[in-house]
Amino acid sequence: MDWDWKADLEKLKELYEDTNQDVLAPFIKEVGLDFLSNFYSSPVMFMGIGCPTSEHAYQMMKTLDIRDRIWIAKQPTPYKAKKAGGPKGIEGRKITMRPDWELVKLDVMEQIVRAKFFQNAGLAKMLLQTGESPMVELNWWGDNVWGWSVKTHGGNNYLGFILEKVRNELRRLEVEV
């Protein structure tokens, strides 16, 4: 899909007019913010399992079955990991969703994002270089939980807020940039 992200970014910036801050969005390569995306290729060790991206780590946490977690962590792309952890599964295999998922998913995401940046000094430096700017996971696919959707002109932007929180934690630890 061809996404006119520049026009959507201008609409989003209108919401931040009063703050006089530059909004960091969307999390794509064209604007140098792809490292903020969970689909960004950066290894993360989570719950003793190595994952090629934080998306893999997040998706594997949807189940309590260790075999399914390892299977999701070994998916070749973050997109396939997302499908494997989704309700339809992938390649004829479906995971058993943990019963408390809706209660723990925000905390799980925060832990994974923290692991991503605390385990990777280069990414931590890049995150700190974003200054104080708000981060918004601007998207066209309708994600109102982790981002702000241009389809609905709204969203909770939990991923953006988690990134800001982790950035502040790194700053308090006086990580050098």
N, C-alpha and C. Protein backbone atom coordinates (compact mmCIF):
# COMPACT_ATOMS: atom_id res chain seq x y z
N MET A 1 0.83 -1.19 0.00
CA MET A 1 0.00 0.00 0.00
C MET A 1 0.87 1.25 0.00
N ASP A 2 0.50 2.20 -0.84
CA ASP A 2 1.18 3.49 -0.82
C ASP A 2 0.51 4.37 0.22
N TRP A 3 1.28 4.71 1.23
CA TRP A 3 0.75 5.48 2.34
C TRP A 3 1.28 6.90 2.27
N ASP A 4 0.39 7.87 2.27
CA ASP A 4 0.78 9.27 2.27
C ASP A 4 1.05 9.70 3.71
N TRP A 5 2.16 9.16 4.25
CA TRP A 5 2.47 9.40 5.66
C TRP A 5 2.78 10.86 5.96
N LYS A 6 3.29 11.59 4.97
CA LYS A 6 3.62 13.00 5.21
C LYS A 6 2.37 13.82 5.52
N ALA A 7 1.31 13.57 4.78
CA ALA A 7 0.04 14.28 5.04
C ALA A 7 -0.54 13.86 6.38
N ASP A 8 -0.46 12.58 6.69
CA ASP A 8 -0.97 12.09 7.97
C ASP A 8 -0.15 12.63 9.13
N LEU A 9 1.16 12.77 8.93
CA LEU A 9 2.01 13.33 9.98
C LEU A 9 1.63 14.79 10.25
N GLU A 10 1.32 15.54 9.21
CA GLU A 10 0.90 16.94 9.39
C GLU A 10 -0.39 17.01 10.21
N LYS A 11 -1.33 16.09 9.95
CA LYS A 11 -2.57 16.06 10.73
C LYS A 11 -2.26 15.75 12.20
N LEU A 12 -1.36 14.81 12.42
CA LEU A 12 -0.99 14.44 13.79
C LEU A 12 -0.32 15.61 14.51
N LYS A 13 0.55 16.32 13.81
CA LYS A 13 1.26 17.44 14.42
C LYS A 13 0.32 18.53 14.90
N GLU A 14 -0.83 18.64 14.26
CA GLU A 14 -1.82 19.63 14.69
C GLU A 14 -2.26 19.37 16.13
N LEU A 15 -2.26 18.11 16.54
CA LEU A 15 -2.64 17.76 17.91
C LEU A 15 -1.59 18.20 18.92
N TYR A 16 -0.36 18.42 18.46
CA TYR A 16 0.75 18.79 19.33
C TYR A 16 1.17 20.25 19.16
N GLU A 17 0.35 21.03 18.47
CA GLU A 17 0.69 22.44 18.20
C GLU A 17 1.05 23.22 19.46
N ASP A 18 0.30 23.03 20.50
CA ASP A 18 0.48 23.81 21.72
C ASP A 18 1.75 23.44 22.49
N THR A 19 2.35 22.32 22.19
CA THR A 19 3.53 21.88 22.96
C THR A 19 4.84 22.44 22.42
N ASN A 20 4.83 22.96 21.20
CA ASN A 20 6.05 23.45 20.56
C ASN A 20 7.13 22.38 20.48
N GLN A 21 6.73 21.13 20.42
CA GLN A 21 7.69 20.04 20.30
C GLN A 21 7.51 19.35 18.96
N ASP A 22 8.63 18.88 18.44
CA ASP A 22 8.59 18.12 17.21
C ASP A 22 8.11 16.71 17.52
N VAL A 23 7.11 16.25 16.83
CA VAL A 23 6.57 14.91 17.05
C VAL A 23 7.39 13.93 16.23
N LEU A 24 7.86 12.87 16.88
CA LEU A 24 8.64 11.85 16.19
C LEU A 24 7.71 10.75 15.72
N ALA A 25 7.46 10.73 14.42
CA ALA A 25 6.55 9.77 13.80
C ALA A 25 6.71 9.89 12.30
N PRO A 26 6.34 8.87 11.55
CA PRO A 26 6.08 7.49 11.94
C PRO A 26 7.39 6.72 12.14
N PHE A 27 7.30 5.52 12.65
CA PHE A 27 8.49 4.72 12.95
C PHE A 27 8.92 3.95 11.69
N ILE A 28 9.37 4.73 10.69
CA ILE A 28 9.77 4.15 9.41
C ILE A 28 11.17 4.63 9.02
N LYS A 29 11.78 3.91 8.11
CA LYS A 29 13.16 4.19 7.68
C LYS A 29 13.29 5.56 7.01
N GLU A 30 12.28 5.96 6.25
CA GLU A 30 12.34 7.22 5.51
C GLU A 30 12.61 8.43 6.40
N VAL A 31 12.20 8.36 7.65
CA VAL A 31 12.44 9.48 8.57
C VAL A 31 13.47 9.13 9.64
N GLY A 32 14.11 7.97 9.50
CA GLY A 32 15.17 7.57 10.42
C GLY A 32 14.67 7.10 11.78
N LEU A 33 13.41 6.72 11.86
CA LEU A 33 12.84 6.29 13.14
C LEU A 33 12.45 4.82 13.15
N ASP A 34 12.90 4.07 12.15
CA ASP A 34 12.54 2.66 12.09
C ASP A 34 13.06 1.87 13.28
N PHE A 35 14.11 2.37 13.94
CA PHE A 35 14.68 1.67 15.10
C PHE A 35 13.71 1.66 16.29
N LEU A 36 12.68 2.51 16.26
CA LEU A 36 11.68 2.55 17.31
C LEU A 36 10.61 1.47 17.12
N SER A 37 10.52 0.94 15.93
CA SER A 37 9.52 -0.08 15.61
C SER A 37 9.89 -1.43 16.21
N ASN A 38 8.88 -2.19 16.60
CA ASN A 38 9.12 -3.55 17.08
C ASN A 38 9.55 -4.48 15.95
N PHE A 39 9.35 -4.07 14.72
CA PHE A 39 9.76 -4.88 13.57
C PHE A 39 11.23 -4.63 13.19
N TYR A 40 11.87 -3.69 13.84
CA TYR A 40 13.28 -3.37 13.56
C TYR A 40 14.16 -4.56 13.94
N SER A 41 15.08 -4.89 13.04
CA SER A 41 15.96 -6.03 13.26
C SER A 41 17.02 -5.70 14.30
N SER A 42 16.77 -6.13 15.53
CA SER A 42 17.69 -5.94 16.62
C SER A 42 17.46 -7.05 17.64
N PRO A 43 18.44 -7.92 17.82
CA PRO A 43 18.24 -9.06 18.73
C PRO A 43 17.91 -8.62 20.16
N VAL A 44 17.05 -9.38 20.78
CA VAL A 44 16.70 -9.15 22.18
C VAL A 44 16.57 -10.51 22.87
N MET A 45 17.14 -10.59 24.06
CA MET A 45 17.01 -11.79 24.88
C MET A 45 15.89 -11.52 25.86
N PHE A 46 14.87 -12.38 25.83
CA PHE A 46 13.73 -12.18 26.72
C PHE A 46 13.26 -13.51 27.25
N MET A 47 13.14 -13.59 28.56
CA MET A 47 12.71 -14.82 29.24
C MET A 47 13.61 -16.00 28.86
N GLY A 48 14.89 -15.70 28.64
CA GLY A 48 15.86 -16.75 28.32
C GLY A 48 15.82 -17.21 26.88
N ILE A 49 15.05 -16.54 26.04
CA ILE A 49 14.94 -16.93 24.63
C ILE A 49 15.43 -15.78 23.76
N GLY A 50 16.35 -16.08 22.86
CA GLY A 50 16.85 -15.07 21.94
C GLY A 50 15.86 -14.85 20.81
N CYS A 51 15.58 -13.59 20.53
CA CYS A 51 14.63 -13.22 19.48
C CYS A 51 15.30 -12.22 18.53
N PRO A 52 15.03 -12.34 17.22
CA PRO A 52 15.63 -11.40 16.27
C PRO A 52 15.04 -10.00 16.32
N THR A 53 13.82 -9.86 16.85
CA THR A 53 13.19 -8.54 16.99
C THR A 53 12.37 -8.52 18.27
N SER A 54 12.00 -7.33 18.70
CA SER A 54 11.12 -7.22 19.87
C SER A 54 9.71 -7.69 19.53
N GLU A 55 9.34 -7.66 18.26
CA GLU A 55 8.02 -8.20 17.86
C GLU A 55 7.96 -9.70 18.12
N HIS A 56 9.04 -10.40 17.80
CA HIS A 56 9.10 -11.83 18.10
C HIS A 56 8.90 -12.07 19.60
N ALA A 57 9.60 -11.28 20.42
CA ALA A 57 9.51 -11.44 21.88
C ALA A 57 8.08 -11.17 22.36
N TYR A 58 7.47 -10.13 21.85
CA TYR A 58 6.10 -9.80 22.26
C TYR A 58 5.13 -10.92 21.88
N GLN A 59 5.23 -11.37 20.65
CA GLN A 59 4.30 -12.41 20.18
C GLN A 59 4.48 -13.71 20.95
N MET A 60 5.71 -14.07 21.28
CA MET A 60 5.92 -15.34 21.99
C MET A 60 5.35 -15.30 23.40
N MET A 61 5.21 -14.11 23.95
CA MET A 61 4.69 -14.00 25.31
C MET A 61 3.18 -14.16 25.38
N LYS A 62 2.53 -14.29 24.24
CA LYS A 62 1.08 -14.51 24.22
C LYS A 62 0.71 -15.92 24.68
N THR A 63 1.70 -16.79 24.78
CA THR A 63 1.45 -18.16 25.20
C THR A 63 2.33 -18.51 26.39
N LEU A 64 1.90 -19.50 27.16
CA LEU A 64 2.70 -19.98 28.28
C LEU A 64 3.46 -21.25 27.91
N ASP A 65 3.19 -21.78 26.73
CA ASP A 65 3.82 -23.02 26.26
C ASP A 65 5.23 -22.70 25.72
N ILE A 66 6.24 -23.25 26.36
CA ILE A 66 7.63 -22.95 25.99
C ILE A 66 7.93 -23.38 24.56
N ARG A 67 7.36 -24.49 24.11
CA ARG A 67 7.59 -24.94 22.72
C ARG A 67 7.04 -23.94 21.73
N ASP A 68 5.86 -23.40 22.02
CA ASP A 68 5.27 -22.38 21.15
C ASP A 68 6.08 -21.09 21.19
N ARG A 69 6.59 -20.73 22.36
CA ARG A 69 7.41 -19.52 22.45
C ARG A 69 8.65 -19.65 21.57
N ILE A 70 9.31 -20.78 21.65
CA ILE A 70 10.52 -21.01 20.84
C ILE A 70 10.17 -21.02 19.36
N TRP A 71 9.05 -21.63 19.01
CA TRP A 71 8.59 -21.68 17.62
C TRP A 71 8.36 -20.26 17.08
N ILE A 72 7.73 -19.40 17.87
CA ILE A 72 7.50 -18.02 17.44
C ILE A 72 8.83 -17.28 17.33
N ALA A 73 9.71 -17.47 18.30
CA ALA A 73 11.02 -16.79 18.28
C ALA A 73 11.84 -17.17 17.06
N LYS A 74 11.60 -18.34 16.50
CA LYS A 74 12.37 -18.82 15.34
C LYS A 74 11.74 -18.44 14.00
N GLN A 75 10.64 -17.72 14.01
CA GLN A 75 10.02 -17.33 12.75
C GLN A 75 10.99 -16.41 11.99
N PRO A 76 11.04 -16.54 10.65
CA PRO A 76 12.04 -15.82 9.87
C PRO A 76 11.86 -14.30 9.79
N THR A 77 10.66 -13.81 10.05
CA THR A 77 10.42 -12.36 9.97
C THR A 77 9.50 -11.93 11.12
N PRO A 78 9.52 -10.65 11.48
CA PRO A 78 8.60 -10.18 12.51
C PRO A 78 7.14 -10.32 12.07
N TYR A 79 6.89 -10.17 10.78
CA TYR A 79 5.52 -10.32 10.28
C TYR A 79 5.03 -11.76 10.52
N LYS A 80 5.88 -12.73 10.22
CA LYS A 80 5.50 -14.13 10.46
C LYS A 80 5.35 -14.42 11.94
N ALA A 81 6.17 -13.81 12.78
CA ALA A 81 6.03 -13.98 14.22
C ALA A 81 4.68 -13.43 14.68
N LYS A 82 4.29 -12.29 14.12
CA LYS A 82 2.99 -11.69 14.47
C LYS A 82 1.85 -12.61 14.05
N LYS A 83 1.96 -13.18 12.88
CA LYS A 83 0.93 -14.13 12.41
C LYS A 83 0.91 -15.37 13.29
N ALA A 84 2.09 -15.87 13.66
CA ALA A 84 2.17 -17.07 14.49
C ALA A 84 1.52 -16.84 15.86
N GLY A 85 1.65 -15.63 16.38
CA GLY A 85 1.05 -15.30 17.67
C GLY A 85 -0.38 -14.82 17.56
N GLY A 86 -0.88 -14.72 16.34
CA GLY A 86 -2.24 -14.22 16.13
C GLY A 86 -3.30 -15.30 16.28
N PRO A 87 -4.55 -14.89 16.22
CA PRO A 87 -5.65 -15.82 16.46
C PRO A 87 -5.79 -16.94 15.43
N LYS A 88 -5.31 -16.72 14.21
CA LYS A 88 -5.41 -17.74 13.17
C LYS A 88 -4.17 -18.62 13.09
N GLY A 89 -3.09 -18.18 13.70
CA GLY A 89 -1.85 -18.94 13.63
C GLY A 89 -1.22 -18.84 12.25
N ILE A 90 -0.32 -19.78 11.97
CA ILE A 90 0.38 -19.79 10.69
C ILE A 90 0.79 -21.22 10.37
N GLU A 91 0.76 -21.54 9.10
CA GLU A 91 1.19 -22.85 8.61
C GLU A 91 0.49 -23.99 9.33
N GLY A 92 -0.80 -23.81 9.63
CA GLY A 92 -1.59 -24.85 10.26
C GLY A 92 -1.36 -25.01 11.75
N ARG A 93 -0.57 -24.16 12.34
CA ARG A 93 -0.28 -24.25 13.78
C ARG A 93 -0.81 -23.01 14.49
N LYS A 94 -1.49 -23.23 15.59
CA LYS A 94 -2.06 -22.15 16.38
C LYS A 94 -1.63 -22.31 17.83
N ILE A 95 -1.28 -21.20 18.46
CA ILE A 95 -0.87 -21.25 19.87
C ILE A 95 -2.10 -21.21 20.77
N THR A 96 -1.91 -21.64 22.00
CA THR A 96 -2.93 -21.47 23.03
C THR A 96 -2.62 -20.15 23.73
N MET A 97 -3.55 -19.23 23.61
CA MET A 97 -3.36 -17.90 24.19
C MET A 97 -3.41 -17.99 25.72
N ARG A 98 -2.51 -17.32 26.37
CA ARG A 98 -2.52 -17.32 27.84
C ARG A 98 -3.76 -16.58 28.32
N PRO A 99 -4.40 -17.09 29.36
CA PRO A 99 -5.68 -16.53 29.79
C PRO A 99 -5.61 -15.10 30.34
N ASP A 100 -4.45 -14.68 30.80
CA ASP A 100 -4.31 -13.34 31.38
C ASP A 100 -3.73 -12.31 30.40
N TRP A 101 -3.69 -12.63 29.12
CA TRP A 101 -3.00 -11.80 28.15
C TRP A 101 -3.44 -10.34 28.17
N GLU A 102 -4.73 -10.10 28.16
CA GLU A 102 -5.22 -8.72 28.14
C GLU A 102 -4.80 -7.94 29.39
N LEU A 103 -4.60 -8.64 30.49
CA LEU A 103 -4.20 -7.99 31.74
C LEU A 103 -2.71 -7.68 31.78
N VAL A 104 -1.90 -8.46 31.07
CA VAL A 104 -0.44 -8.32 31.19
C VAL A 104 0.24 -7.73 29.96
N LYS A 105 -0.47 -7.57 28.86
CA LYS A 105 0.21 -7.21 27.61
C LYS A 105 0.94 -5.86 27.66
N LEU A 106 0.41 -4.88 28.36
CA LEU A 106 1.10 -3.59 28.45
C LEU A 106 2.40 -3.72 29.22
N ASP A 107 2.36 -4.44 30.33
CA ASP A 107 3.56 -4.66 31.13
C ASP A 107 4.60 -5.47 30.35
N VAL A 108 4.12 -6.47 29.62
CA VAL A 108 5.03 -7.29 28.80
C VAL A 108 5.71 -6.42 27.75
N MET A 109 4.94 -5.58 27.09
CA MET A 109 5.53 -4.71 26.06
C MET A 109 6.58 -3.78 26.69
N GLU A 110 6.27 -3.23 27.84
CA GLU A 110 7.23 -2.34 28.50
C GLU A 110 8.53 -3.09 28.81
N GLN A 111 8.42 -4.29 29.33
CA GLN A 111 9.61 -5.08 29.65
C GLN A 111 10.43 -5.39 28.39
N ILE A 112 9.75 -5.69 27.31
CA ILE A 112 10.44 -6.02 26.06
C ILE A 112 11.14 -4.79 25.48
N VAL A 113 10.45 -3.66 25.47
CA VAL A 113 11.06 -2.42 24.95
C VAL A 113 12.27 -2.05 25.81
N ARG A 114 12.14 -2.20 27.11
CA ARG A 114 13.26 -1.92 28.01
C ARG A 114 14.43 -2.85 27.68
N ALA A 115 14.15 -4.14 27.50
CA ALA A 115 15.21 -5.09 27.17
C ALA A 115 15.88 -4.72 25.84
N LYS A 116 15.09 -4.34 24.86
CA LYS A 116 15.62 -3.97 23.54
C LYS A 116 16.67 -2.86 23.66
N PHE A 117 16.37 -1.82 24.41
CA PHE A 117 17.27 -0.68 24.49
C PHE A 117 18.36 -0.84 25.54
N PHE A 118 18.08 -1.55 26.61
CA PHE A 118 19.10 -1.76 27.63
C PHE A 118 20.12 -2.81 27.19
N GLN A 119 19.75 -3.70 26.29
CA GLN A 119 20.68 -4.72 25.80
C GLN A 119 21.46 -4.26 24.57
N ASN A 120 21.12 -3.12 24.02
CA ASN A 120 21.76 -2.67 22.79
C ASN A 120 22.19 -1.21 22.94
N ALA A 121 23.46 -1.00 23.24
CA ALA A 121 23.98 0.34 23.50
C ALA A 121 23.77 1.29 22.33
N GLY A 122 23.91 0.79 21.12
CA GLY A 122 23.71 1.64 19.94
C GLY A 122 22.29 2.16 19.84
N LEU A 123 21.34 1.30 20.11
CA LEU A 123 19.94 1.72 20.07
C LEU A 123 19.63 2.65 21.24
N ALA A 124 20.22 2.39 22.40
CA ALA A 124 20.01 3.27 23.56
C ALA A 124 20.49 4.68 23.23
N LYS A 125 21.63 4.77 22.58
CA LYS A 125 22.18 6.08 22.20
C LYS A 125 21.23 6.79 21.23
N MET A 126 20.71 6.04 20.25
CA MET A 126 19.78 6.62 19.29
C MET A 126 18.50 7.10 19.98
N LEU A 127 18.01 6.31 20.94
CA LEU A 127 16.81 6.70 21.66
C LEU A 127 17.05 7.97 22.46
N LEU A 128 18.18 8.07 23.12
CA LEU A 128 18.49 9.27 23.89
C LEU A 128 18.64 10.50 23.00
N GLN A 129 19.10 10.30 21.78
CA GLN A 129 19.28 11.43 20.86
C GLN A 129 17.95 12.00 20.37
N THR A 130 16.84 11.35 20.71
CA THR A 130 15.52 11.89 20.34
C THR A 130 15.11 13.05 21.23
N GLY A 131 15.92 13.34 22.24
CA GLY A 131 15.65 14.49 23.11
C GLY A 131 14.42 14.31 23.97
N GLU A 132 13.56 15.30 23.94
CA GLU A 132 12.33 15.29 24.75
C GLU A 132 11.08 15.14 23.88
N SER A 133 11.27 14.97 22.61
CA SER A 133 10.14 14.93 21.69
C SER A 133 9.20 13.77 21.96
N PRO A 134 7.90 14.02 21.83
CA PRO A 134 6.94 12.93 21.95
C PRO A 134 7.11 11.96 20.77
N MET A 135 6.91 10.68 21.06
CA MET A 135 7.02 9.65 20.03
C MET A 135 5.64 9.05 19.80
N VAL A 136 5.24 8.98 18.54
CA VAL A 136 3.91 8.48 18.21
C VAL A 136 4.02 7.41 17.14
N GLU A 137 3.47 6.25 17.43
CA GLU A 137 3.48 5.15 16.48
C GLU A 137 2.32 5.38 15.50
N LEU A 138 2.54 6.34 14.61
CA LEU A 138 1.56 6.70 13.58
C LEU A 138 1.42 5.55 12.60
N ASN A 139 0.19 5.13 12.33
CA ASN A 139 0.01 3.99 11.44
C ASN A 139 -1.25 4.13 10.61
N TRP A 140 -1.28 3.39 9.50
CA TRP A 140 -2.42 3.38 8.60
C TRP A 140 -3.25 2.11 8.75
N TRP A 141 -2.78 1.14 9.52
CA TRP A 141 -3.44 -0.16 9.57
C TRP A 141 -4.47 -0.29 10.70
N GLY A 142 -4.71 0.76 11.45
CA GLY A 142 -5.79 0.76 12.42
C GLY A 142 -5.41 0.35 13.83
N ASP A 143 -4.13 0.44 14.18
CA ASP A 143 -3.70 0.07 15.53
C ASP A 143 -3.96 1.22 16.49
N ASN A 144 -5.05 1.09 17.24
CA ASN A 144 -5.41 2.12 18.22
C ASN A 144 -4.85 1.84 19.61
N VAL A 145 -4.25 0.68 19.80
CA VAL A 145 -3.69 0.33 21.11
C VAL A 145 -2.27 0.85 21.21
N TRP A 146 -1.40 0.39 20.33
CA TRP A 146 0.03 0.72 20.42
C TRP A 146 0.37 2.04 19.74
N GLY A 147 -0.52 2.52 18.88
CA GLY A 147 -0.21 3.73 18.14
C GLY A 147 -1.38 4.67 18.00
N TRP A 148 -1.24 5.53 17.00
CA TRP A 148 -2.28 6.49 16.63
C TRP A 148 -2.62 6.19 15.18
N SER A 149 -3.87 5.85 14.94
CA SER A 149 -4.30 5.39 13.62
C SER A 149 -4.88 6.52 12.78
N VAL A 150 -4.44 6.59 11.54
CA VAL A 150 -5.01 7.58 10.62
C VAL A 150 -6.40 7.15 10.17
N LYS A 151 -6.71 5.85 10.30
CA LYS A 151 -8.06 5.37 9.95
C LYS A 151 -9.10 5.93 10.90
N THR A 152 -8.78 5.96 12.17
CA THR A 152 -9.75 6.38 13.18
C THR A 152 -9.45 7.77 13.75
N HIS A 153 -8.31 8.32 13.38
CA HIS A 153 -7.84 9.62 13.90
C HIS A 153 -7.79 9.60 15.43
N GLY A 154 -7.22 8.51 15.94
CA GLY A 154 -7.07 8.39 17.38
C GLY A 154 -6.29 7.14 17.75
N GLY A 155 -6.08 7.00 19.02
CA GLY A 155 -5.38 5.83 19.53
C GLY A 155 -4.72 6.11 20.86
N ASN A 156 -4.38 5.05 21.56
CA ASN A 156 -3.76 5.18 22.88
C ASN A 156 -2.26 5.45 22.82
N ASN A 157 -1.61 5.06 21.74
CA ASN A 157 -0.17 5.28 21.54
C ASN A 157 0.67 4.73 22.69
N TYR A 158 0.29 3.57 23.22
CA TYR A 158 1.04 2.99 24.34
C TYR A 158 2.50 2.74 23.99
N LEU A 159 2.80 2.33 22.76
CA LEU A 159 4.20 2.10 22.39
C LEU A 159 4.99 3.40 22.49
N GLY A 160 4.44 4.48 22.00
CA GLY A 160 5.11 5.78 22.10
C GLY A 160 5.38 6.16 23.54
N PHE A 161 4.40 5.98 24.41
CA PHE A 161 4.58 6.33 25.82
C PHE A 161 5.60 5.44 26.50
N ILE A 162 5.61 4.16 26.14
CA ILE A 162 6.60 3.24 26.70
C ILE A 162 8.00 3.64 26.26
N LEU A 163 8.17 4.00 25.00
CA LEU A 163 9.47 4.44 24.50
C LEU A 163 9.94 5.68 25.25
N GLU A 164 9.04 6.61 25.50
CA GLU A 164 9.40 7.83 26.25
C GLU A 164 9.81 7.48 27.68
N LYS A 165 9.11 6.54 28.29
CA LYS A 165 9.45 6.11 29.65
C LYS A 165 10.84 5.47 29.70
N VAL A 166 11.12 4.59 28.75
CA VAL A 166 12.43 3.93 28.69
C VAL A 166 13.52 4.95 28.42
N ARG A 167 13.25 5.91 27.56
CA ARG A 167 14.22 6.99 27.29
C ARG A 167 14.54 7.74 28.58
N ASN A 168 13.53 8.04 29.37
CA ASN A 168 13.74 8.74 30.64
C ASN A 168 14.54 7.89 31.62
N GLU A 169 14.31 6.59 31.63
CA GLU A 169 15.08 5.69 32.49
C GLU A 169 16.55 5.69 32.09
N LEU A 170 16.81 5.64 30.79
CA LEU A 170 18.19 5.69 30.29
C LEU A 170 18.85 7.00 30.68
N ARG A 171 18.11 8.07 30.56
CA ARG A 171 18.63 9.40 30.91
C ARG A 171 18.99 9.45 32.39
N ARG A 172 18.10 8.93 33.24
CA ARG A 172 18.38 8.94 34.69
C ARG A 172 19.61 8.10 35.04
N LEU A 173 19.88 7.08 34.24
CA LEU A 173 21.07 6.26 34.46
C LEU A 173 22.31 6.92 33.89
N GLU A 174 22.12 8.08 33.28
CA GLU A 174 23.21 8.86 32.69
C GLU A 174 24.01 8.08 31.66
N VAL A 175 23.26 7.40 30.81
CA VAL A 175 23.89 6.70 29.68
C VAL A 175 24.42 7.77 28.74
N GLU A 176 25.65 7.60 28.31
CA GLU A 176 26.28 8.62 27.46
C GLU A 176 25.76 8.51 26.02
N VAL A 177 25.61 9.68 25.39
CA VAL A 177 25.21 9.71 23.97
C VAL A 177 26.35 10.19 23.12
